[in-house]
PDB file of N, CA and C in Angstrom:
ATOM      1  N   MET A   1      16.355   6.301 -20.105  1.00  0.00           N
ATOM      2  CA  MET A   1      17.537   5.729 -20.691  1.00  0.00           C
ATOM      3  C   MET A   1      18.318   6.731 -21.580  1.00  0.00           C
ATOM      4  N   ASP A   2      19.536   6.753 -21.533  1.00  0.00           N
ATOM      5  CA  ASP A   2      20.314   7.623 -22.303  1.00  0.00           C
ATOM      6  C   ASP A   2      20.155   7.214 -23.800  1.00  0.00           C
ATOM      7  N   ASN A   3      20.332   8.196 -24.694  1.00  0.00           N
ATOM      8  CA  ASN A   3      20.264   7.894 -26.069  1.00  0.00           C
ATOM      9  C   ASN A   3      21.681   8.027 -26.626  1.00  0.00           C
ATOM     10  N   PRO A   4      22.362   6.824 -27.056  1.00  0.00           N
ATOM     11  CA  PRO A   4      23.696   6.966 -27.631  1.00  0.00           C
ATOM     12  C   PRO A   4      23.912   7.692 -28.860  1.00  0.00           C
ATOM     13  N   ASN A   5      22.739   7.968 -29.566  1.00  0.00           N
ATOM     14  CA  ASN A   5      22.894   8.723 -30.836  1.00  0.00           C
ATOM     15  C   ASN A   5      22.961  10.171 -30.672  1.00  0.00           C
ATOM     16  N   TRP A   6      22.610  10.651 -29.416  1.00  0.00           N
ATOM     17  CA  TRP A   6      22.684  12.099 -29.045  1.00  0.00           C
ATOM     18  C   TRP A   6      24.165  12.489 -28.885  1.00  0.00           C
ATOM     19  N   ARG A   7      24.612  13.459 -29.644  1.00  0.00           N
ATOM     20  CA  ARG A   7      26.035  13.769 -29.616  1.00  0.00           C
ATOM     21  C   ARG A   7      26.398  14.938 -28.629  1.00  0.00           C
ATOM     22  N   GLY A   8      25.474  15.415 -27.735  1.00  0.00           N
ATOM     23  CA  GLY A   8      25.827  16.360 -26.779  1.00  0.00           C
ATOM     24  C   GLY A   8      26.534  15.690 -25.572  1.00  0.00           C
ATOM     25  N   ASN A   9      26.651  16.424 -24.415  1.00  0.00           N
ATOM     26  CA  ASN A   9      27.234  15.878 -23.330  1.00  0.00           C
ATOM     27  C   ASN A   9      26.397  14.682 -22.733  1.00  0.00           C
ATOM     28  N   PRO A  10      27.071  13.765 -21.986  1.00  0.00           N
ATOM     29  CA  PRO A  10      26.241  12.734 -21.402  1.00  0.00           C
ATOM     30  C   PRO A  10      25.407  13.232 -20.318  1.00  0.00           C
ATOM     31  N   ASP A  11      24.550  12.454 -19.791  1.00  0.00           N
ATOM     32  CA  ASP A  11      23.683  12.795 -18.618  1.00  0.00           C
ATOM     33  C   ASP A  11      24.641  13.544 -17.625  1.00  0.00           C
ATOM     34  N   SER A  12      24.165  14.765 -17.237  1.00  0.00           N
ATOM     35  CA  SER A  12      24.987  15.596 -16.397  1.00  0.00           C
ATOM     36  C   SER A  12      25.007  15.216 -15.005  1.00  0.00           C
ATOM     37  N   ASP A  13      24.170  14.213 -14.568  1.00  0.00           N
ATOM     38  CA  ASP A  13      24.048  13.923 -13.119  1.00  0.00           C
ATOM     39  C   ASP A  13      24.738  12.645 -12.774  1.00  0.00           C
ATOM     40  N   ARG A  14      24.768  11.602 -13.734  1.00  0.00           N
ATOM     41  CA  ARG A  14      25.293  10.381 -13.437  1.00  0.00           C
ATOM     42  C   ARG A  14      26.165   9.872 -14.573  1.00  0.00           C
ATOM     43  N   ILE A  15      27.051   8.778 -14.153  1.00  0.00           N
ATOM     44  CA  ILE A  15      27.902   8.187 -15.133  1.00  0.00           C
ATOM     45  C   ILE A  15      27.412   6.748 -15.098  1.00  0.00           C
ATOM     46  N   SER A  16      27.280   6.178 -16.331  1.00  0.00           N
ATOM     47  CA  SER A  16      26.889   4.786 -16.508  1.00  0.00           C
ATOM     48  C   SER A  16      28.112   4.091 -17.046  1.00  0.00           C
ATOM     49  N   LEU A  17      28.692   3.129 -16.292  1.00  0.00           N
ATOM     50  CA  LEU A  17      29.860   2.494 -16.755  1.00  0.00           C
ATOM     51  C   LEU A  17      29.435   1.376 -17.716  1.00  0.00           C
ATOM     52  N   GLN A  18      28.182   1.147 -17.872  1.00  0.00           N
ATOM     53  CA  GLN A  18      27.673   0.160 -18.881  1.00  0.00           C
ATOM     54  C   GLN A  18      27.577   0.751 -20.277  1.00  0.00           C
ATOM     55  N   GLU A  19      27.681   2.090 -20.305  1.00  0.00           N
ATOM     56  CA  GLU A  19      27.516   2.804 -21.671  1.00  0.00           C
ATOM     57  C   GLU A  19      28.978   3.262 -22.030  1.00  0.00           C
ATOM     58  N   ASP A  20      29.398   2.670 -23.183  1.00  0.00           N
ATOM     59  CA  ASP A  20      30.767   2.896 -23.652  1.00  0.00           C
ATOM     60  C   ASP A  20      31.008   4.364 -23.921  1.00  0.00           C
ATOM     61  N   TYR A  21      30.020   4.982 -24.681  1.00  0.00           N
ATOM     62  CA  TYR A  21      30.182   6.417 -24.876  1.00  0.00           C
ATOM     63  C   TYR A  21      30.323   7.264 -23.703  1.00  0.00           C
ATOM     64  N   GLU A  22      29.564   6.924 -22.580  1.00  0.00           N
ATOM     65  CA  GLU A  22      29.815   7.771 -21.362  1.00  0.00           C
ATOM     66  C   GLU A  22      31.196   7.553 -20.770  1.00  0.00           C
ATOM     67  N   VAL A  23      31.582   6.345 -20.789  1.00  0.00           N
ATOM     68  CA  VAL A  23      32.985   5.930 -20.280  1.00  0.00           C
ATOM     69  C   VAL A  23      34.019   6.647 -21.025  1.00  0.00           C
ATOM     70  N   ARG A  24      34.060   6.666 -22.365  1.00  0.00           N
ATOM     71  CA  ARG A  24      34.850   7.362 -23.232  1.00  0.00           C
ATOM     72  C   ARG A  24      34.890   8.856 -22.930  1.00  0.00           C
ATOM     73  N   TYR A  25      33.676   9.415 -22.766  1.00  0.00           N
ATOM     74  CA  TYR A  25      33.553  10.890 -22.534  1.00  0.00           C
ATOM     75  C   TYR A  25      34.218  11.271 -21.199  1.00  0.00           C
ATOM     76  N   TRP A  26      33.899  10.583 -20.067  1.00  0.00           N
ATOM     77  CA  TRP A  26      34.425  10.914 -18.740  1.00  0.00           C
ATOM     78  C   TRP A  26      35.862  10.575 -18.654  1.00  0.00           C
ATOM     79  N   THR A  27      36.362   9.499 -19.263  1.00  0.00           N
ATOM     80  CA  THR A  27      37.700   9.166 -19.092  1.00  0.00           C
ATOM     81  C   THR A  27      38.597  10.151 -19.903  1.00  0.00           C
ATOM     82  N   HIS A  28      38.033  10.580 -21.080  1.00  0.00           N
ATOM     83  CA  HIS A  28      38.764  11.674 -21.850  1.00  0.00           C
ATOM     84  C   HIS A  28      38.792  13.023 -21.043  1.00  0.00           C
ATOM     85  N   LYS A  29      37.635  13.475 -20.557  1.00  0.00           N
ATOM     86  CA  LYS A  29      37.520  14.617 -19.927  1.00  0.00           C
ATOM     87  C   LYS A  29      38.434  14.790 -18.639  1.00  0.00           C
ATOM     88  N   TRP A  30      38.555  13.549 -17.940  1.00  0.00           N
ATOM     89  CA  TRP A  30      39.486  13.623 -16.704  1.00  0.00           C
ATOM     90  C   TRP A  30      40.764  12.973 -16.956  1.00  0.00           C
ATOM     91  N   ASN A  31      41.043  12.585 -18.195  1.00  0.00           N
ATOM     92  CA  ASN A  31      42.372  11.951 -18.517  1.00  0.00           C
ATOM     93  C   ASN A  31      42.759  10.798 -17.550  1.00  0.00           C
ATOM     94  N   ILE A  32      41.788   9.863 -17.416  1.00  0.00           N
ATOM     95  CA  ILE A  32      41.927   8.693 -16.584  1.00  0.00           C
ATOM     96  C   ILE A  32      41.615   7.421 -17.311  1.00  0.00           C
ATOM     97  N   SER A  33      41.882   6.314 -16.739  1.00  0.00           N
ATOM     98  CA  SER A  33      41.552   5.049 -17.423  1.00  0.00           C
ATOM     99  C   SER A  33      40.163   4.517 -17.004  1.00  0.00           C
ATOM    100  N   LYS A  34      39.713   3.569 -17.758  1.00  0.00           N
ATOM    101  CA  LYS A  34      38.364   3.046 -17.420  1.00  0.00           C
ATOM    102  C   LYS A  34      38.435   2.332 -16.030  1.00  0.00           C
ATOM    103  N   GLU A  35      39.573   1.739 -15.766  1.00  0.00           N
ATOM    104  CA  GLU A  35      39.764   1.110 -14.501  1.00  0.00           C
ATOM    105  C   GLU A  35      39.696   2.104 -13.278  1.00  0.00           C
ATOM    106  N   GLN A  36      40.356   3.226 -13.567  1.00  0.00           N
ATOM    107  CA  GLN A  36      40.369   4.253 -12.457  1.00  0.00           C
ATOM    108  C   GLN A  36      38.946   4.877 -12.265  1.00  0.00           C
ATOM    109  N   LEU A  37      38.245   4.929 -13.383  1.00  0.00           N
ATOM    110  CA  LEU A  37      36.788   5.489 -13.221  1.00  0.00           C
ATOM    111  C   LEU A  37      36.035   4.436 -12.466  1.00  0.00           C
ATOM    112  N   ALA A  38      36.057   3.122 -12.724  1.00  0.00           N
ATOM    113  CA  ALA A  38      35.372   2.074 -12.080  1.00  0.00           C
ATOM    114  C   ALA A  38      35.787   2.083 -10.602  1.00  0.00           C
ATOM    115  N   GLU A  39      37.078   2.265 -10.332  1.00  0.00           N
ATOM    116  CA  GLU A  39      37.551   2.265  -8.862  1.00  0.00           C
ATOM    117  C   GLU A  39      36.933   3.464  -8.135  1.00  0.00           C
ATOM    118  N   ALA A  40      36.850   4.643  -8.774  1.00  0.00           N
ATOM    119  CA  ALA A  40      36.232   5.752  -8.099  1.00  0.00           C
ATOM    120  C   ALA A  40      34.779   5.657  -7.831  1.00  0.00           C
ATOM    121  N   GLU A  41      34.047   4.982  -8.854  1.00  0.00           N
ATOM    122  CA  GLU A  41      32.693   4.788  -8.701  1.00  0.00           C
ATOM    123  C   GLU A  41      32.427   3.753  -7.553  1.00  0.00           C
ATOM    124  N   LYS A  42      33.265   2.788  -7.413  1.00  0.00           N
ATOM    125  CA  LYS A  42      33.174   1.907  -6.247  1.00  0.00           C
ATOM    126  C   LYS A  42      33.517   2.550  -4.937  1.00  0.00           C
ATOM    127  N   LYS A  43      34.501   3.407  -4.939  1.00  0.00           N
ATOM    128  CA  LYS A  43      34.857   4.158  -3.615  1.00  0.00           C
ATOM    129  C   LYS A  43      33.707   5.130  -3.245  1.00  0.00           C
ATOM    130  N   ALA A  44      33.103   5.776  -4.260  1.00  0.00           N
ATOM    131  CA  ALA A  44      32.145   6.690  -4.104  1.00  0.00           C
ATOM    132  C   ALA A  44      30.760   5.950  -3.657  1.00  0.00           C
ATOM    133  N   GLY A  45      30.621   4.789  -4.004  1.00  0.00           N
ATOM    134  CA  GLY A  45      29.312   4.056  -3.696  1.00  0.00           C
ATOM    135  C   GLY A  45      28.203   4.655  -4.520  1.00  0.00           C
ATOM    136  N   SER A  46      28.565   5.320  -5.576  1.00  0.00           N
ATOM    137  CA  SER A  46      27.468   6.037  -6.377  1.00  0.00           C
ATOM    138  C   SER A  46      27.848   6.314  -7.698  1.00  0.00           C
ATOM    139  N   SER A  47      26.927   6.536  -8.704  1.00  0.00           N
ATOM    140  CA  SER A  47      27.225   6.880  -9.989  1.00  0.00           C
ATOM    141  C   SER A  47      27.116   8.394 -10.258  1.00  0.00           C
ATOM    142  N   VAL A  48      26.829   9.143  -9.204  1.00  0.00           N
ATOM    143  CA  VAL A  48      26.644  10.640  -9.323  1.00  0.00           C
ATOM    144  C   VAL A  48      28.045  11.230  -9.618  1.00  0.00           C
ATOM    145  N   VAL A  49      28.077  12.070 -10.740  1.00  0.00           N
ATOM    146  CA  VAL A  49      29.285  12.613 -11.205  1.00  0.00           C
ATOM    147  C   VAL A  49      30.067  13.353 -10.128  1.00  0.00           C
ATOM    148  N   ARG A  50      29.438  14.215  -9.259  1.00  0.00           N
ATOM    149  CA  ARG A  50      30.170  14.956  -8.267  1.00  0.00           C
ATOM    150  C   ARG A  50      30.868  13.999  -7.239  1.00  0.00           C
ATOM    151  N   LYS A  51      30.198  12.795  -6.911  1.00  0.00           N
ATOM    152  CA  LYS A  51      30.809  11.910  -5.961  1.00  0.00           C
ATOM    153  C   LYS A  51      31.936  11.212  -6.579  1.00  0.00           C
ATOM    154  N   ILE A  52      31.745  10.790  -7.842  1.00  0.00           N
ATOM    155  CA  ILE A  52      32.841  10.193  -8.519  1.00  0.00           C
ATOM    156  C   ILE A  52      34.054  11.064  -8.656  1.00  0.00           C
ATOM    157  N   HIS A  53      33.821  12.311  -9.008  1.00  0.00           N
ATOM    158  CA  HIS A  53      34.865  13.370  -9.080  1.00  0.00           C
ATOM    159  C   HIS A  53      35.589  13.466  -7.796  1.00  0.00           C
ATOM    160  N   ASP A  54      34.887  13.559  -6.731  1.00  0.00           N
ATOM    161  CA  ASP A  54      35.417  13.672  -5.374  1.00  0.00           C
ATOM    162  C   ASP A  54      36.233  12.513  -4.978  1.00  0.00           C
ATOM    163  N   ALA A  55      35.754  11.230  -5.391  1.00  0.00           N
ATOM    164  CA  ALA A  55      36.521  10.076  -5.152  1.00  0.00           C
ATOM    165  C   ALA A  55      37.873  10.136  -5.965  1.00  0.00           C
ATOM    166  N   LEU A  56      37.833  10.513  -7.257  1.00  0.00           N
ATOM    167  CA  LEU A  56      39.005  10.545  -8.106  1.00  0.00           C
ATOM    168  C   LEU A  56      40.082  11.459  -7.406  1.00  0.00           C
ATOM    169  N   VAL A  57      39.515  12.573  -6.844  1.00  0.00           N
ATOM    170  CA  VAL A  57      40.512  13.530  -6.164  1.00  0.00           C
ATOM    171  C   VAL A  57      41.074  12.833  -4.925  1.00  0.00           C
ATOM    172  N   GLY A  58      40.237  12.214  -4.102  1.00  0.00           N
ATOM    173  CA  GLY A  58      40.688  11.541  -3.025  1.00  0.00           C
ATOM    174  C   GLY A  58      41.659  10.386  -3.230  1.00  0.00           C
ATOM    175  N   LEU A  59      41.453   9.710  -4.400  1.00  0.00           N
ATOM    176  CA  LEU A  59      42.402   8.730  -4.822  1.00  0.00           C
ATOM    177  C   LEU A  59      43.806   9.223  -5.477  1.00  0.00           C
ATOM    178  N   GLY A  60      43.759  10.571  -5.652  1.00  0.00           N
ATOM    179  CA  GLY A  60      44.930  11.272  -6.331  1.00  0.00           C
ATOM    180  C   GLY A  60      45.115  11.081  -7.789  1.00  0.00           C
ATOM    181  N   TYR A  61      43.974  10.620  -8.505  1.00  0.00           N
ATOM    182  CA  TYR A  61      44.013  10.581  -9.900  1.00  0.00           C
ATOM    183  C   TYR A  61      43.779  11.837 -10.592  1.00  0.00           C
ATOM    184  N   ILE A  62      43.137  12.814  -9.953  1.00  0.00           N
ATOM    185  CA  ILE A  62      42.838  14.138 -10.695  1.00  0.00           C
ATOM    186  C   ILE A  62      42.953  15.193  -9.620  1.00  0.00           C
ATOM    187  N   GLN A  63      43.131  16.468 -10.056  1.00  0.00           N
ATOM    188  CA  GLN A  63      43.093  17.613  -9.289  1.00  0.00           C
ATOM    189  C   GLN A  63      41.566  18.063  -9.214  1.00  0.00           C
ATOM    190  N   PRO A  64      41.165  18.842  -8.140  1.00  0.00           N
ATOM    191  CA  PRO A  64      39.827  19.253  -8.176  1.00  0.00           C
ATOM    192  C   PRO A  64      39.537  20.150  -9.353  1.00  0.00           C
ATOM    193  N   GLN A  65      38.440  19.989  -9.971  1.00  0.00           N
ATOM    194  CA  GLN A  65      37.919  20.605 -11.230  1.00  0.00           C
ATOM    195  C   GLN A  65      36.595  21.222 -11.053  1.00  0.00           C
ATOM    196  N   SER A  66      36.354  22.199 -11.828  1.00  0.00           N
ATOM    197  CA  SER A  66      34.925  22.625 -11.962  1.00  0.00           C
ATOM    198  C   SER A  66      34.208  21.665 -12.849  1.00  0.00           C
ATOM    199  N   LEU A  67      32.924  21.291 -12.557  1.00  0.00           N
ATOM    200  CA  LEU A  67      32.218  20.287 -13.267  1.00  0.00           C
ATOM    201  C   LEU A  67      31.370  21.009 -14.281  1.00  0.00           C
ATOM    202  N   GLU A  68      31.494  22.344 -14.513  1.00  0.00           N
ATOM    203  CA  GLU A  68      30.619  23.077 -15.482  1.00  0.00           C
ATOM    204  C   GLU A  68      30.949  22.524 -16.805  1.00  0.00           C
ATOM    205  N   LYS A  69      29.933  22.493 -17.693  1.00  0.00           N
ATOM    206  CA  LYS A  69      30.137  22.054 -19.059  1.00  0.00           C
ATOM    207  C   LYS A  69      30.692  22.975 -19.886  1.00  0.00           C
TER     208      LYS A  69
END
């Protein structure tokens, strides 16, 4: 389980839409809404960051980006 008190980057492999701090991190990083993030996760069929990123690109919400921290 993720620790919400840890102030570093969220889990680098997955995004949990149930964790507000992770949703805030990723929506800020990609400059998207919570609804767009949820839509991309649904399209990706996965919570894996790379798959969600690719779904966001496919939906036209973001441009391809490096996922390096």
